[in-house]
C-alpha atoms as a PDB file:
ATOM      1  CA  MET A   1     -55.660  43.871  -7.962  1.00  0.00           C
ATOM      2  CA  SER A   2     -53.541  43.683  -4.792  1.00  0.00           C
ATOM      3  CA  SER A   3     -49.698  42.006  -4.694  1.00  0.00           C
ATOM      4  CA  ASP A   4     -51.227  39.227  -2.632  1.00  0.00           C
ATOM      5  CA  ALA A   5     -53.718  38.035  -5.132  1.00  0.00           C
ATOM      6  CA  ILE A   6     -51.389  38.390  -7.810  1.00  0.00           C
ATOM      7  CA  ARG A   7     -48.842  36.363  -5.793  1.00  0.00           C
ATOM      8  CA  GLY A   8     -51.740  34.115  -5.483  1.00  0.00           C
ATOM      9  CA  ILE A   9     -52.359  33.499  -9.098  1.00  0.00           C
ATOM     10  CA  ILE A  10     -48.735  33.023  -9.943  1.00  0.00           C
ATOM     11  CA  ARG A  11     -48.541  30.241  -7.616  1.00  0.00           C
ATOM     12  CA  ASP A  12     -51.642  28.583  -8.918  1.00  0.00           C
ATOM     13  CA  LEU A  13     -50.340  28.489 -12.288  1.00  0.00           C
ATOM     14  CA  PRO A  14     -49.259  25.239 -13.820  1.00  0.00           C
ATOM     15  CA  TYR A  15     -45.616  25.951 -14.444  1.00  0.00           C
ATOM     16  CA  PHE A  16     -45.266  27.015 -10.816  1.00  0.00           C
ATOM     17  CA  VAL A  17     -47.291  24.241  -9.233  1.00  0.00           C
ATOM     18  CA  SER A  18     -45.043  21.779 -10.886  1.00  0.00           C
ATOM     19  CA  ALA A  19     -41.832  23.815  -9.977  1.00  0.00           C
ATOM     20  CA  SER A  20     -39.685  22.498  -7.269  1.00  0.00           C
ATOM     21  CA  ARG A  21     -39.927  24.138  -3.709  1.00  0.00           C
ATOM     22  CA  SER A  22     -37.069  26.329  -4.697  1.00  0.00           C
ATOM     23  CA  GLN A  23     -38.409  27.907  -7.520  1.00  0.00           C
ATOM     24  CA  VAL A  24     -41.972  28.875  -5.371  1.00  0.00           C
ATOM     25  CA  ILE A  25     -41.007  32.029  -3.552  1.00  0.00           C
ATOM     26  CA  GLY A  26     -43.443  33.137  -0.643  1.00  0.00           C
ATOM     27  CA  ALA A  27     -44.191  36.849   0.164  1.00  0.00           C
ATOM     28  CA  GLU A  28     -41.645  36.615   2.930  1.00  0.00           C
ATOM     29  CA  ASP A  29     -38.887  35.569   0.680  1.00  0.00           C
ATOM     30  CA  ASP A  30     -39.378  38.763  -1.368  1.00  0.00           C
ATOM     31  CA  VAL A  31     -37.928  41.151   1.248  1.00  0.00           C
ATOM     32  CA  THR A  32     -34.902  39.045   1.764  1.00  0.00           C
ATOM     33  CA  MET A  33     -33.894  38.142  -1.820  1.00  0.00           C
ATOM     34  CA  THR A  34     -33.025  41.614  -3.303  1.00  0.00           C
ATOM     35  CA  GLN A  35     -30.797  40.104  -6.097  1.00  0.00           C
ATOM     36  CA  TYR A  36     -34.313  40.006  -8.050  1.00  0.00           C
ATOM     37  CA  GLU A  37     -34.781  43.239  -7.566  1.00  0.00           C
ATOM     38  CA  MET A  38     -31.867  44.087  -9.558  1.00  0.00           C
ATOM     39  CA  PRO A  39     -31.686  45.083 -13.212  1.00  0.00           C
ATOM     40  CA  MET A  40     -30.472  42.092 -15.279  1.00  0.00           C
ATOM     41  CA  GLU A  41     -27.342  43.201 -16.335  1.00  0.00           C
ATOM     42  CA  GLU A  42     -26.002  43.064 -12.486  1.00  0.00           C
ATOM     43  CA  GLN A  43     -27.642  40.048 -11.805  1.00  0.00           C
ATOM     44  CA  ILE A  44     -25.516  38.509 -15.068  1.00  0.00           C
ATOM     45  CA  LYS A  45     -22.340  39.998 -13.398  1.00  0.00           C
ATOM     46  CA  LEU A  46     -23.489  38.877 -10.067  1.00  0.00           C
ATOM     47  CA  LEU A  47     -23.756  35.019 -11.627  1.00  0.00           C
ATOM     48  CA  VAL A  48     -20.532  35.670 -13.665  1.00  0.00           C
ATOM     49  CA  LYS A  49     -18.496  36.489 -10.391  1.00  0.00           C
ATOM     50  CA  LYS A  50     -20.180  33.264  -8.961  1.00  0.00           C
ATOM     51  CA  PHE A  51     -18.926  31.415 -11.775  1.00  0.00           C
ATOM     52  CA  ASP A  52     -15.421  32.600 -11.757  1.00  0.00           C
ATOM     53  CA  SER A  53     -15.021  31.600  -7.957  1.00  0.00           C
ATOM     54  CA  LEU A  54     -16.434  28.448  -8.339  1.00  0.00           C
ATOM     55  CA  ASP A  55     -14.148  27.807 -11.456  1.00  0.00           C
ATOM     56  CA  LYS A  56     -10.830  29.210  -9.180  1.00  0.00           C
ATOM     57  CA  LYS A  57     -12.125  26.713  -6.638  1.00  0.00           C
ATOM     58  CA  PHE A  58     -12.390  23.885  -9.343  1.00  0.00           C
ATOM     59  CA  ASP A  59      -8.746  25.116 -10.411  1.00  0.00           C
ATOM     60  CA  ALA A  60      -7.638  24.877  -6.895  1.00  0.00           C
ATOM     61  CA  MET A  61      -9.097  21.042  -6.268  1.00  0.00           C
ATOM     62  CA  GLU A  62      -7.311  20.281  -9.718  1.00  0.00           C
ATOM     63  CA  GLU A  63      -4.136  21.275  -8.414  1.00  0.00           C
ATOM     64  CA  LYS A  64      -4.797  19.469  -5.100  1.00  0.00           C
ATOM     65  CA  PHE A  65      -5.790  16.480  -7.328  1.00  0.00           C
ATOM     66  CA  ASP A  66      -2.565  16.552  -9.474  1.00  0.00           C
ATOM     67  CA  ALA A  67      -0.778  16.991  -6.266  1.00  0.00           C
ATOM     68  CA  MET A  68      -1.997  13.871  -4.658  1.00  0.00           C
ATOM     69  CA  GLU A  69      -1.529  12.133  -8.260  1.00  0.00           C
ATOM     70  CA  GLN A  70       1.881  12.598  -7.947  1.00  0.00           C
ATOM     71  CA  LYS A  71       2.421  11.358  -4.583  1.00  0.00           C
ATOM     72  CA  PHE A  72       0.515   8.153  -5.764  1.00  0.00           C
ATOM     73  CA  ASP A  73       2.822   7.959  -8.374  1.00  0.00           C
ATOM     74  CA  LYS A  74       5.755   8.131  -6.476  1.00  0.00           C
ATOM     75  CA  LYS A  75       4.597   5.610  -3.894  1.00  0.00           C
ATOM     76  CA  PHE A  76       3.726   3.197  -6.529  1.00  0.00           C
ATOM     77  CA  ASN A  77       6.810   3.761  -8.513  1.00  0.00           C
ATOM     78  CA  ALA A  78       8.546   2.908  -5.440  1.00  0.00           C
ATOM     79  CA  ILE A  79       6.411  -0.136  -4.684  1.00  0.00           C
ATOM     80  CA  ASP A  80       6.647  -1.194  -7.924  1.00  0.00           C
ATOM     81  CA  LYS A  81      10.754  -1.080  -8.031  1.00  0.00           C
ATOM     82  CA  LYS A  82      10.774  -2.798  -4.806  1.00  0.00           C
ATOM     83  CA  PHE A  83       8.543  -5.479  -6.555  1.00  0.00           C
ATOM     84  CA  ASP A  84      10.566  -5.740  -9.315  1.00  0.00           C
ATOM     85  CA  ASP A  85      13.660  -6.321  -7.312  1.00  0.00           C
ATOM     86  CA  LYS A  86      12.100  -8.718  -5.201  1.00  0.00           C
ATOM     87  CA  PHE A  87      10.876 -10.504  -8.102  1.00  0.00           C
ATOM     88  CA  THR A  88      14.667 -10.572  -9.680  1.00  0.00           C
ATOM     89  CA  GLN A  89      15.938 -12.036  -6.454  1.00  0.00           C
ATOM     90  CA  ILE A  90      13.301 -14.514  -6.048  1.00  0.00           C
ATOM     91  CA  MET A  91      14.210 -15.574  -9.709  1.00  0.00           C
ATOM     92  CA  VAL A  92      17.716 -15.879  -9.117  1.00  0.00           C
ATOM     93  CA  ARG A  93      17.419 -18.049  -6.005  1.00  0.00           C
ATOM     94  CA  LEU A  94      14.919 -20.067  -7.912  1.00  0.00           C
ATOM     95  CA  ASP A  95      17.367 -20.536 -10.817  1.00  0.00           C
ATOM     96  CA  ASP A  96      20.009 -21.354  -8.467  1.00  0.00           C
ATOM     97  CA  THR A  97      17.733 -24.361  -6.637  1.00  0.00           C
ATOM     98  CA  HIS A  98      17.004 -25.224  -9.783  1.00  0.00           C
ATOM     99  CA  ALA A  99      20.602 -25.628 -10.992  1.00  0.00           C
ATOM    100  CA  VAL A 100      21.561 -27.275  -7.816  1.00  0.00           C
ATOM    101  CA  ALA A 101      18.802 -29.753  -7.765  1.00  0.00           C
ATOM    102  CA  LYS A 102      19.255 -30.494 -11.506  1.00  0.00           C
ATOM    103  CA  LEU A 103      23.087 -31.002 -10.441  1.00  0.00           C
ATOM    104  CA  GLY A 104      22.086 -33.403  -7.474  1.00  0.00           C
ATOM    105  CA  LEU A 105      19.703 -35.395 -10.090  1.00  0.00           C
ATOM    106  CA  GLU A 106      22.781 -35.624 -12.142  1.00  0.00           C
ATOM    107  CA  GLY A 107      24.754 -36.731  -9.304  1.00  0.00           C
ATOM    108  CA  LEU A 108      22.259 -39.459  -8.573  1.00  0.00           C
ATOM    109  CA  GLN A 109      21.799 -40.378 -12.241  1.00  0.00           C
ATOM    110  CA  GLY A 110      25.630 -40.957 -12.478  1.00  0.00           C
ATOM    111  CA  LEU A 111      25.609 -42.781  -8.707  1.00  0.00           C
ATOM    112  CA  ARG A 112      22.585 -45.235 -10.295  1.00  0.00           C
ATOM    113  CA  GLU A 113      24.473 -45.791 -13.511  1.00  0.00           C
ATOM    114  CA  SER A 114      27.711 -46.512 -11.660  1.00  0.00           C
ATOM    115  CA  MET A 115      26.027 -48.784  -9.638  1.00  0.00           C
ATOM    116  CA  ASP A 116      24.333 -50.455 -12.157  1.00  0.00           C
ATOM    117  CA  GLU A 117      27.344 -51.314 -13.814  1.00  0.00           C
ATOM    118  CA  LYS A 118      29.117 -52.541 -10.844  1.00  0.00           C
ATOM    119  CA  PHE A 119      26.103 -54.506  -9.976  1.00  0.00           C
ATOM    120  CA  GLU A 120      26.105 -56.010 -13.776  1.00  0.00           C
ATOM    121  CA  ALA A 121      29.727 -56.666 -13.203  1.00  0.00           C
ATOM    122  CA  ALA A 122      29.028 -58.355 -10.011  1.00  0.00           C
ATOM    123  CA  ALA A 123      26.597 -60.656 -11.726  1.00  0.00           C
ATOM    124  CA  LYS A 124      28.724 -61.708 -14.558  1.00  0.00           C
ATOM    125  CA  THR A 125      31.814 -62.719 -11.930  1.00  0.00           C
ATOM    126  CA  SER A 126      29.139 -64.516 -10.016  1.00  0.00           C
ATOM    127  CA  ALA A 127      27.817 -66.368 -12.597  1.00  0.00           C
ATOM    128  CA  GLY A 128      31.203 -67.074 -13.756  1.00  0.00           C
ATOM    129  CA  GLN A 129      32.089 -68.216 -10.332  1.00  0.00           C
ATOM    130  CA  THR A 130      28.639 -70.098 -10.005  1.00  0.00           C
ATOM    131  CA  ASP A 131      29.678 -72.053 -13.348  1.00  0.00           C
ATOM    132  CA  MET A 132      32.809 -73.073 -11.902  1.00  0.00           C
ATOM    133  CA  LEU A 133      31.207 -74.084  -8.568  1.00  0.00           C
ATOM    134  CA  LYS A 134      28.588 -76.213 -10.723  1.00  0.00           C
ATOM    135  CA  ALA A 135      31.471 -77.747 -12.614  1.00  0.00           C
ATOM    136  CA  VAL A 136      33.510 -78.922  -9.571  1.00  0.00           C
ATOM    137  CA  LEU A 137      30.484 -80.021  -7.843  1.00  0.00           C
ATOM    138  CA  VAL A 138      29.439 -82.152 -11.172  1.00  0.00           C
ATOM    139  CA  HIS A 139      33.059 -83.646 -11.237  1.00  0.00           C
ATOM    140  CA  VAL A 140      33.395 -83.962  -7.153  1.00  0.00           C
ATOM    141  CA  ARG A 141      29.677 -85.833  -7.502  1.00  0.00           C
ATOM    142  CA  LYS A 142      31.301 -88.240  -9.974  1.00  0.00           C
ATOM    143  CA  ARG A 143      34.455 -89.190  -8.053  1.00  0.00           C
ATOM    144  CA  VAL A 144      32.415 -89.646  -4.938  1.00  0.00           C
ATOM    145  CA  GLU A 145      30.013 -91.830  -7.095  1.00  0.00           C
ATOM    146  CA  VAL A 146      33.005 -93.736  -8.120  1.00  0.00           C
ATOM    147  CA  LEU A 147      34.268 -93.905  -4.667  1.00  0.00           C
ATOM    148  CA  GLU A 148      30.785 -95.025  -3.423  1.00  0.00           C
ATOM    149  CA  ARG A 149      30.250 -97.971  -5.353  1.00  0.00           C
ATOM    150  CA  PRO A 150      30.134-100.936  -3.332  1.00  0.00           C
ATOM    151  CA  LYS A 151      32.558-103.467  -4.859  1.00  0.00           C
ATOM    152  CA  PRO A 152      31.231-106.354  -6.628  1.00  0.00           C
ATOM    153  CA  ARG A 153      31.504-109.388  -4.342  1.00  0.00           C
ATOM    154  CA  ARG A 154      33.752-112.242  -5.510  1.00  0.00           C
ATOM    155  CA  ARG A 155      32.234-115.406  -5.467  1.00  0.00           C
ATOM    156  CA  ARG A 156      34.398-118.093  -4.396  1.00  0.00           C
ATOM    157  CA  SER A 157      33.668-121.125  -5.680  1.00  0.00           C
END
């Protein structure tokens, strides 16, 4: 059998039919793929070299990722520090504002209590003076009524 016929039979096998296009090798590819003509040991050595080069590339990428992670950690730590400082400043200002507001409210409470006491004292004084005025008014009214009574006329007989 010719090699073309053998290749045709191999391509028609169920395994190769279901395989991907990268696994199906045409006659024109056989000339360019010399690694398939190498002995198995050389192919394994070639694969080991490729894996070693890939491993080195992954190690280099891992180092780059580690460096990026360190940069991000530094930046995030700086941001955290700034945030914590600002948060602390805000809390101090909030506490100061709270203290001032509390002092203001206590002052208002004291002023209200003082004004209430003064109003109560003024109401008592006013009530006392009003009672005195009422008593004077009653007394004056009695005198006026006495003076205003018509004197009975005397009859002359």
